[in-house]
C-alpha cells in the first residue's frame, strides 16, 4: 500500500496538517453536494469518495501507529 509508505515519511506535524486538509476538503464537498446545480452536486459526491478513502487510510495508519 503506497499510501501507508507516504504517511510513514511524514512528521507528526505534517500528519496533523494532512488531517486538517482532509477534514476541510470533506466539509467543502459536503456543502457542494447540497448544491442546486446537479453537475456540481454530482462532482462533489464523486470527489467525496476519494477523500473519504484518504481519511480512512489516515485514521487506520494513526490507529496502528498509536
C-alpha atoms as a PDB file:
ATOM      1  CA  UNK A   1       0.000   0.000   0.000  1.00  0.00           C
ATOM      2  CA  UNK A   2       1.860   3.069  -1.265  1.00  0.00           C
ATOM      3  CA  UNK A   3      -0.259   5.482   0.772  1.00  0.00           C
ATOM      4  CA  UNK A   4       0.997   3.961   4.030  1.00  0.00           C
ATOM      5  CA  UNK A   5       4.583   4.343   2.848  1.00  0.00           C
ATOM      6  CA  UNK A   6       3.969   8.040   2.171  1.00  0.00           C
ATOM      7  CA  UNK A   7       2.323   8.513   5.566  1.00  0.00           C
ATOM      8  CA  UNK A   8       5.308   6.885   7.281  1.00  0.00           C
ATOM      9  CA  UNK A   9       7.575   9.593   5.846  1.00  0.00           C
ATOM     10  CA  UNK A  10       5.523  12.392   7.437  1.00  0.00           C
ATOM     11  CA  UNK A  11       6.294  14.010  10.756  1.00  0.00           C
ATOM     12  CA  UNK A  12       3.586  14.269  13.407  1.00  0.00           C
ATOM     13  CA  UNK A  13       3.036  17.913  12.439  1.00  0.00           C
ATOM     14  CA  UNK A  14       2.683  17.011   8.765  1.00  0.00           C
ATOM     15  CA  UNK A  15       0.207  14.264   9.639  1.00  0.00           C
ATOM     16  CA  UNK A  16      -1.819  16.779  11.642  1.00  0.00           C
ATOM     17  CA  UNK A  17      -1.845  19.253   8.739  1.00  0.00           C
ATOM     18  CA  UNK A  18      -2.768  16.495   6.298  1.00  0.00           C
ATOM     19  CA  UNK A  19      -5.662  15.505   8.563  1.00  0.00           C
ATOM     20  CA  UNK A  20      -6.839  19.122   8.652  1.00  0.00           C
ATOM     21  CA  UNK A  21      -6.654  19.306   4.845  1.00  0.00           C
ATOM     22  CA  UNK A  22      -8.738  16.152   4.518  1.00  0.00           C
ATOM     23  CA  UNK A  23     -11.315  17.390   7.037  1.00  0.00           C
ATOM     24  CA  UNK A  24     -11.690  20.795   5.401  1.00  0.00           C
ATOM     25  CA  UNK A  25     -11.930  19.259   1.932  1.00  0.00           C
ATOM     26  CA  UNK A  26     -14.617  16.838   3.069  1.00  0.00           C
ATOM     27  CA  UNK A  27     -16.545  19.684   4.711  1.00  0.00           C
ATOM     28  CA  UNK A  28     -16.411  21.707   1.493  1.00  0.00           C
ATOM     29  CA  UNK A  29     -17.515  18.726  -0.565  1.00  0.00           C
ATOM     30  CA  UNK A  30     -20.462  18.078   1.733  1.00  0.00           C
ATOM     31  CA  UNK A  31     -21.581  21.682   1.233  1.00  0.00           C
ATOM     32  CA  UNK A  32     -21.107  21.407  -2.541  1.00  0.00           C
ATOM     33  CA  UNK A  33     -23.046  18.133  -2.626  1.00  0.00           C
ATOM     34  CA  UNK A  34     -26.120  20.068  -1.463  1.00  0.00           C
ATOM     35  CA  UNK A  35     -25.806  22.492  -4.364  1.00  0.00           C
ATOM     36  CA  UNK A  36     -28.837  23.198  -6.501  1.00  0.00           C
ATOM     37  CA  UNK A  37     -26.660  22.529  -9.550  1.00  0.00           C
ATOM     38  CA  UNK A  38     -26.883  18.806 -10.392  1.00  0.00           C
ATOM     39  CA  UNK A  39     -23.457  18.850 -12.061  1.00  0.00           C
ATOM     40  CA  UNK A  40     -21.738  20.494  -9.101  1.00  0.00           C
ATOM     41  CA  UNK A  41     -23.543  18.219  -6.672  1.00  0.00           C
ATOM     42  CA  UNK A  42     -22.603  15.038  -8.568  1.00  0.00           C
ATOM     43  CA  UNK A  43     -18.971  16.083  -8.932  1.00  0.00           C
ATOM     44  CA  UNK A  44     -18.733  16.785  -5.214  1.00  0.00           C
ATOM     45  CA  UNK A  45     -20.167  13.358  -4.397  1.00  0.00           C
ATOM     46  CA  UNK A  46     -17.657  11.646  -6.694  1.00  0.00           C
ATOM     47  CA  UNK A  47     -14.744  13.550  -5.151  1.00  0.00           C
ATOM     48  CA  UNK A  48     -16.084  12.838  -1.659  1.00  0.00           C
ATOM     49  CA  UNK A  49     -15.449   9.095  -2.089  1.00  0.00           C
ATOM     50  CA  UNK A  50     -11.773   9.764  -2.859  1.00  0.00           C
ATOM     51  CA  UNK A  51     -11.275  11.987   0.178  1.00  0.00           C
ATOM     52  CA  UNK A  52     -13.265   9.676   2.424  1.00  0.00           C
ATOM     53  CA  UNK A  53     -10.844   6.868   1.493  1.00  0.00           C
ATOM     54  CA  UNK A  54      -7.902   9.175   2.273  1.00  0.00           C
ATOM     55  CA  UNK A  55      -9.402   9.907   5.685  1.00  0.00           C
ATOM     56  CA  UNK A  56      -9.893   6.190   6.368  1.00  0.00           C
ATOM     57  CA  UNK A  57      -6.304   5.450   5.351  1.00  0.00           C
ATOM     58  CA  UNK A  58      -5.004   8.181   7.637  1.00  0.00           C
ATOM     59  CA  UNK A  59      -7.174   7.037  10.545  1.00  0.00           C
ATOM     60  CA  UNK A  60      -6.050   3.417  10.085  1.00  0.00           C
ATOM     61  CA  UNK A  61      -2.419   4.497   9.933  1.00  0.00           C
ATOM     62  CA  UNK A  62      -2.697   6.639  13.051  1.00  0.00           C
ATOM     63  CA  UNK A  63      -4.509   3.857  14.936  1.00  0.00           C
ATOM     64  CA  UNK A  64      -1.756   1.358  14.108  1.00  0.00           C
ATOM     65  CA  UNK A  65       0.952   3.929  14.876  1.00  0.00           C
ATOM     66  CA  UNK A  66      -0.531   4.911  18.243  1.00  0.00           C
END
